[in-house]
Amino acid sequence: MTNRLRQIADAVRAAGEMSVADLAELTSASEMTVRRDLEALAAQGVLERFRGGARSLLLRGEETPFALRAGDGAERKRRLAAEVAGLIADGEAVVVDGGTTCLEVARALRGRRLTAMPLSLHSANALAGGGRVTLLLPGGEARPGELGLVGPLAEASLAALRFDTAVIGCCGLTAADGLTAYDLPEAAVKRAAIRAARRVVAVTEGAKLTRTALAHVADASDLDLVVTDDTAPEEARAALAAAGTVVRVAGDAGEAVSAGDAGR
């Protein structure tokens, strides 16, 4: 169901508004099912119902709600998370960003002998009770839905600490525009996490290597490693490598693209 909800939300967002009949044809679902889906999306603030259809409430530069993104590409996100978890040694101090992919990283790290600071309540819940994990919680305001912790208290918590690794998610990442986020407070917390870490690992699905969001977080050269999947365009991976970061494709048995490889 989640994939159909996302399909409907994306279609209405792209068109501005759509009829129930058109959405039923698009999704191969009954009109009754589409109406129920529209009610669910309206309850999440994604769209507004009108008789016979719906119109989007999401602006072009706004991120799709967490609940819709959480089920997208679940297996791909687990593979990315496993790749990132394999890069982190026992005993490290790690800061784990918010977002759906980093939530999978938190789940993959549960039970490891680590000191971990999650930057969302979703990730904190995933790590809690993990036995050997020493859990540090930042202060801050929890964003609705995302439950990411933002604001001066979160930034001050990060500034007071030094981590071995920061695992950072993104809304967009290109060689030209760097790592970007939709939300300004979220971008500020990401920057604080990057400043607090010796090593910065960005983790993202391949499609985001062609996107740029509103708020600049960091230049590509500020990222030590980008972990992505095999949907990432070759030219985007090569451009990031030429900008000075290493790009690793999850599942490629350690294969990575570096600046030296990019020019070959």
Protein backbone atom coordinates (compact mmCIF):
# COMPACT_ATOMS: atom_id res chain seq x y z
CA MET A 1 0.00 0.00 0.00
CA THR A 2 2.81 2.40 0.83
CA ASN A 3 4.18 2.27 -2.71
CA ARG A 4 0.75 3.11 -4.11
CA LEU A 5 0.38 6.02 -1.69
CA ARG A 6 3.75 7.35 -2.80
CA GLN A 7 2.78 6.91 -6.45
CA ILE A 8 -0.44 8.85 -5.88
CA ALA A 9 1.29 11.58 -3.88
CA ASP A 10 3.98 12.02 -6.56
CA ALA A 11 1.45 12.07 -9.39
CA VAL A 12 -0.78 14.67 -7.73
CA ARG A 13 2.25 16.74 -6.80
CA ALA A 14 3.54 16.72 -10.38
CA ALA A 15 0.15 17.57 -11.90
CA GLY A 16 -1.05 19.94 -9.20
CA GLU A 17 -4.37 18.11 -9.01
CA MET A 18 -5.84 14.87 -10.38
CA SER A 19 -9.19 13.14 -10.50
CA VAL A 20 -10.00 9.89 -8.71
CA ALA A 21 -10.67 8.26 -12.08
CA ASP A 22 -7.25 9.23 -13.45
CA LEU A 23 -5.52 8.01 -10.29
CA ALA A 24 -7.39 4.71 -10.43
CA GLU A 25 -6.20 4.21 -14.01
CA LEU A 26 -2.63 5.18 -13.06
CA THR A 27 -2.43 2.78 -10.11
CA SER A 28 -4.64 -0.04 -11.47
CA ALA A 29 -6.64 0.21 -8.24
CA SER A 30 -10.37 0.67 -7.79
CA GLU A 31 -11.80 4.15 -7.32
CA MET A 32 -12.93 3.13 -3.82
CA THR A 33 -9.34 2.17 -2.95
CA VAL A 34 -8.03 5.43 -4.39
CA ARG A 35 -10.52 7.42 -2.30
CA ARG A 36 -9.29 5.66 0.85
CA ASP A 37 -5.70 6.40 -0.15
CA LEU A 38 -6.54 10.06 -0.71
CA GLU A 39 -8.10 10.25 2.74
CA ALA A 40 -4.91 8.80 4.24
CA LEU A 41 -2.73 11.27 2.34
CA ALA A 42 -4.99 14.17 3.32
CA ALA A 43 -4.61 13.17 6.99
CA GLN A 44 -0.83 13.44 6.55
CA GLY A 45 -1.11 16.91 5.04
CA VAL A 46 0.16 15.78 1.64
CA LEU A 47 -2.92 16.82 -0.34
CA GLU A 48 -6.38 18.33 -0.12
CA ARG A 49 -9.49 16.45 -1.19
CA PHE A 50 -12.17 17.92 -3.40
CA ARG A 51 -15.18 16.21 -4.91
CA GLY A 52 -13.90 13.70 -7.45
CA GLY A 53 -10.18 14.29 -6.90
CA ALA A 54 -7.41 15.95 -4.93
CA ARG A 55 -4.85 18.74 -5.19
CA SER A 56 -1.32 18.72 -3.80
CA LEU A 57 -0.36 20.69 -0.71
CA LEU A 58 3.35 20.04 -1.19
CA LEU A 59 5.45 22.69 -2.85
CA ARG A 60 8.14 21.68 -5.33
CA GLY A 61 10.93 22.32 -2.83
CA GLU A 62 9.34 20.42 0.06
CA GLU A 63 10.27 16.92 1.12
CA THR A 64 7.76 14.09 0.97
CA PRO A 65 6.57 13.15 4.49
CA PHE A 66 8.61 10.60 6.44
CA ALA A 67 5.80 8.03 6.61
CA LEU A 68 5.63 7.84 2.81
CA ARG A 69 9.39 7.66 2.34
CA ALA A 70 9.91 5.01 5.02
CA GLY A 71 8.59 2.17 2.87
CA ASP A 72 10.26 3.25 -0.38
CA GLY A 73 13.05 0.97 -1.53
CA ALA A 74 13.26 -0.76 1.85
CA GLU A 75 15.56 -3.54 0.65
CA ARG A 76 17.85 -1.02 -1.09
CA LYS A 77 18.10 1.03 2.09
CA ARG A 78 18.96 -2.07 4.10
CA ARG A 79 21.79 -2.87 1.68
CA LEU A 80 23.12 0.68 1.98
CA ALA A 81 22.87 0.47 5.77
CA ALA A 82 24.74 -2.84 5.87
CA GLU A 83 27.52 -1.33 3.75
CA VAL A 84 27.85 1.65 6.10
CA ALA A 85 27.72 -0.50 9.23
CA GLY A 86 30.55 -2.59 7.84
CA LEU A 87 32.74 0.53 7.64
CA ILE A 88 32.35 1.29 11.35
CA ALA A 89 34.64 -0.48 13.81
CA ASP A 90 33.62 -1.58 17.29
CA GLY A 91 34.54 1.05 19.85
CA GLU A 92 33.90 4.02 17.56
CA ALA A 93 31.91 7.10 18.52
CA VAL A 94 29.34 7.64 15.79
CA VAL A 95 26.74 10.31 15.06
CA VAL A 96 23.82 9.03 12.97
CA ASP A 97 21.75 11.51 11.00
CA GLY A 98 17.96 11.49 10.69
CA GLY A 99 15.98 10.32 7.66
CA THR A 100 14.77 6.95 6.45
CA THR A 101 18.10 5.61 5.15
CA CYS A 102 19.97 6.61 8.29
CA LEU A 103 17.23 4.95 10.33
CA GLU A 104 18.23 1.70 8.62
CA VAL A 105 21.86 2.44 9.52
CA ALA A 106 20.81 2.83 13.17
CA ARG A 107 19.03 -0.53 13.00
CA ALA A 108 22.13 -2.13 11.48
CA LEU A 109 24.27 -0.76 14.32
CA ARG A 110 21.98 -1.94 17.10
CA GLY A 111 23.83 -4.24 19.50
CA ARG A 112 27.30 -3.15 18.37
CA ARG A 113 29.92 -1.98 20.91
CA LEU A 114 29.69 1.70 20.02
CA THR A 115 28.98 5.13 21.40
CA ALA A 116 26.20 6.51 19.23
CA MET A 117 24.37 9.82 19.04
CA PRO A 118 21.25 9.59 16.85
CA LEU A 119 19.90 12.84 15.45
CA SER A 120 16.28 11.67 15.32
CA LEU A 121 13.93 10.03 17.79
CA HIS A 122 13.23 7.29 15.22
CA SER A 123 16.92 6.34 15.20
CA ALA A 124 17.17 6.72 18.99
CA ASN A 125 14.35 4.21 19.36
CA ALA A 126 16.09 1.82 16.95
CA LEU A 127 19.33 1.96 18.95
CA ALA A 128 17.78 1.91 22.42
CA GLY A 129 18.16 -1.32 24.33
CA GLY A 130 20.85 -2.50 21.97
CA GLY A 131 22.97 -3.98 24.75
CA ARG A 132 26.49 -2.73 24.17
CA VAL A 133 25.54 0.58 22.53
CA THR A 134 26.24 3.61 24.69
CA LEU A 135 23.45 5.95 23.64
CA LEU A 136 23.93 9.74 23.76
CA LEU A 137 20.91 11.94 23.11
CA PRO A 138 21.21 15.53 21.89
CA GLY A 139 18.80 18.20 22.96
CA GLY A 140 16.68 20.14 20.52
CA GLU A 141 13.24 20.34 19.02
CA ALA A 142 11.77 17.26 17.34
CA ARG A 143 10.40 18.05 13.87
CA PRO A 144 6.89 16.67 13.36
CA GLY A 145 6.80 13.42 11.41
CA GLU A 146 10.55 13.29 10.82
CA LEU A 147 11.29 13.49 14.56
CA GLY A 148 14.70 14.86 13.63
CA LEU A 149 16.28 16.92 16.42
CA VAL A 150 17.08 20.47 15.37
CA GLY A 151 17.80 23.87 16.85
CA PRO A 152 20.46 25.47 19.07
CA LEU A 153 20.38 22.73 21.73
CA ALA A 154 21.06 20.00 19.16
CA GLU A 155 23.83 22.05 17.56
CA ALA A 156 25.42 22.80 20.95
CA SER A 157 25.39 19.09 21.86
CA LEU A 158 27.28 18.26 18.68
CA ALA A 159 29.75 21.12 19.15
CA ALA A 160 30.70 19.77 22.59
CA LEU A 161 31.70 16.33 21.28
CA ARG A 162 34.09 14.71 18.82
CA PHE A 163 33.10 11.63 16.85
CA ASP A 164 35.06 9.12 14.82
CA THR A 165 32.39 8.96 12.11
CA ALA A 166 29.37 11.00 11.09
CA VAL A 167 26.82 9.13 8.97
CA ILE A 168 24.91 11.79 7.05
CA GLY A 169 21.82 11.48 4.86
CA CYS A 170 20.88 13.94 2.16
CA CYS A 171 18.06 15.21 0.01
CA GLY A 172 20.40 15.93 -2.88
CA LEU A 173 24.09 15.51 -3.65
CA THR A 174 26.00 16.69 -6.73
CA ALA A 175 29.58 17.63 -7.44
CA ALA A 176 28.54 21.17 -8.34
CA ASP A 177 26.16 21.94 -5.46
CA GLY A 178 27.44 19.57 -2.80
CA LEU A 179 25.22 17.96 -0.19
CA THR A 180 21.88 19.73 0.24
CA ALA A 181 18.73 19.50 2.40
CA TYR A 182 15.18 20.82 2.08
CA ASP A 183 14.97 22.18 5.62
CA LEU A 184 17.17 25.02 6.94
CA PRO A 185 17.27 23.89 10.61
CA GLU A 186 18.03 20.33 9.51
CA ALA A 187 20.87 21.60 7.32
CA ALA A 188 22.37 23.45 10.31
CA VAL A 189 22.39 20.27 12.41
CA LYS A 190 23.98 18.29 9.58
CA ARG A 191 26.73 20.91 9.32
CA ALA A 192 27.32 20.68 13.08
CA ALA A 193 27.60 16.90 12.86
CA ILE A 194 30.10 17.15 10.00
CA ARG A 195 32.24 19.63 11.96
CA ALA A 196 32.23 17.30 14.98
CA ALA A 197 33.49 14.20 13.13
CA ARG A 198 36.89 13.03 11.92
CA ARG A 199 35.31 11.07 9.05
CA VAL A 200 32.13 11.92 7.14
CA VAL A 201 30.19 9.17 5.36
CA ALA A 202 27.21 10.27 3.27
CA VAL A 203 24.70 7.53 2.46
CA THR A 204 22.07 7.94 -0.23
CA GLU A 205 20.14 6.15 -2.94
CA GLY A 206 21.48 6.74 -6.44
CA ALA A 207 18.61 8.96 -7.60
CA LYS A 208 19.62 11.69 -5.16
CA LEU A 209 22.98 12.13 -6.93
CA THR A 210 21.11 14.09 -9.58
CA ARG A 211 19.14 16.35 -7.20
CA THR A 212 19.76 19.65 -5.46
CA ALA A 213 17.62 20.87 -2.55
CA LEU A 214 17.30 24.35 -1.04
CA ALA A 215 19.84 24.43 1.80
CA HIS A 216 23.56 23.87 1.25
CA VAL A 217 25.11 21.60 3.87
CA ALA A 218 28.61 20.79 2.64
CA ASP A 219 30.76 20.71 -0.46
CA ALA A 220 31.36 17.31 -2.03
CA SER A 221 35.01 17.60 -1.05
CA ASP A 222 33.98 17.76 2.63
CA LEU A 223 32.70 14.18 2.40
CA ASP A 224 35.25 11.43 2.91
CA LEU A 225 33.02 8.74 1.45
CA VAL A 226 29.69 8.49 -0.36
CA VAL A 227 27.90 5.15 -0.11
CA THR A 228 25.24 4.71 -2.77
CA ASP A 229 23.62 2.00 -4.90
CA ASP A 230 23.93 0.82 -8.48
CA THR A 231 21.17 3.17 -9.66
CA ALA A 232 23.58 6.10 -9.27
CA PRO A 233 24.46 7.47 -12.74
CA GLU A 234 28.05 6.80 -13.75
CA GLU A 235 28.63 10.45 -14.68
CA ALA A 236 27.39 11.64 -11.28
CA ARG A 237 29.66 9.18 -9.47
CA ALA A 238 32.65 10.21 -11.59
CA ALA A 239 31.98 13.91 -10.99
CA LEU A 240 31.87 13.38 -7.22
CA ALA A 241 35.10 11.41 -7.36
CA ALA A 242 36.75 14.18 -9.39
CA ALA A 243 35.58 16.65 -6.72
CA GLY A 244 37.62 14.79 -4.14
CA THR A 245 35.37 12.24 -2.45
CA VAL A 246 35.40 8.46 -2.67
CA VAL A 247 32.22 6.84 -3.99
CA ARG A 248 31.37 3.29 -2.96
CA VAL A 249 28.52 1.30 -4.49
CA ALA A 250 26.90 -1.03 -1.96
CA GLY A 251 27.39 -4.66 -2.87
CA ASP A 252 30.34 -4.08 -5.18
CA ALA A 253 32.72 -6.07 -2.98
CA GLY A 254 34.65 -3.02 -1.90
CA GLU A 255 34.84 -1.41 -5.32
CA ALA A 256 35.01 2.36 -5.04
CA VAL A 257 35.55 5.28 -7.37
CA SER A 258 38.20 7.77 -6.32
CA ALA A 259 39.57 10.90 -7.95
CA GLY A 260 42.31 8.86 -9.58
CA ASP A 261 39.83 6.41 -11.09
CA ALA A 262 37.51 9.15 -12.34
CA GLY A 263 39.98 10.35 -14.93
CA ARG A 264 40.60 6.92 -16.45
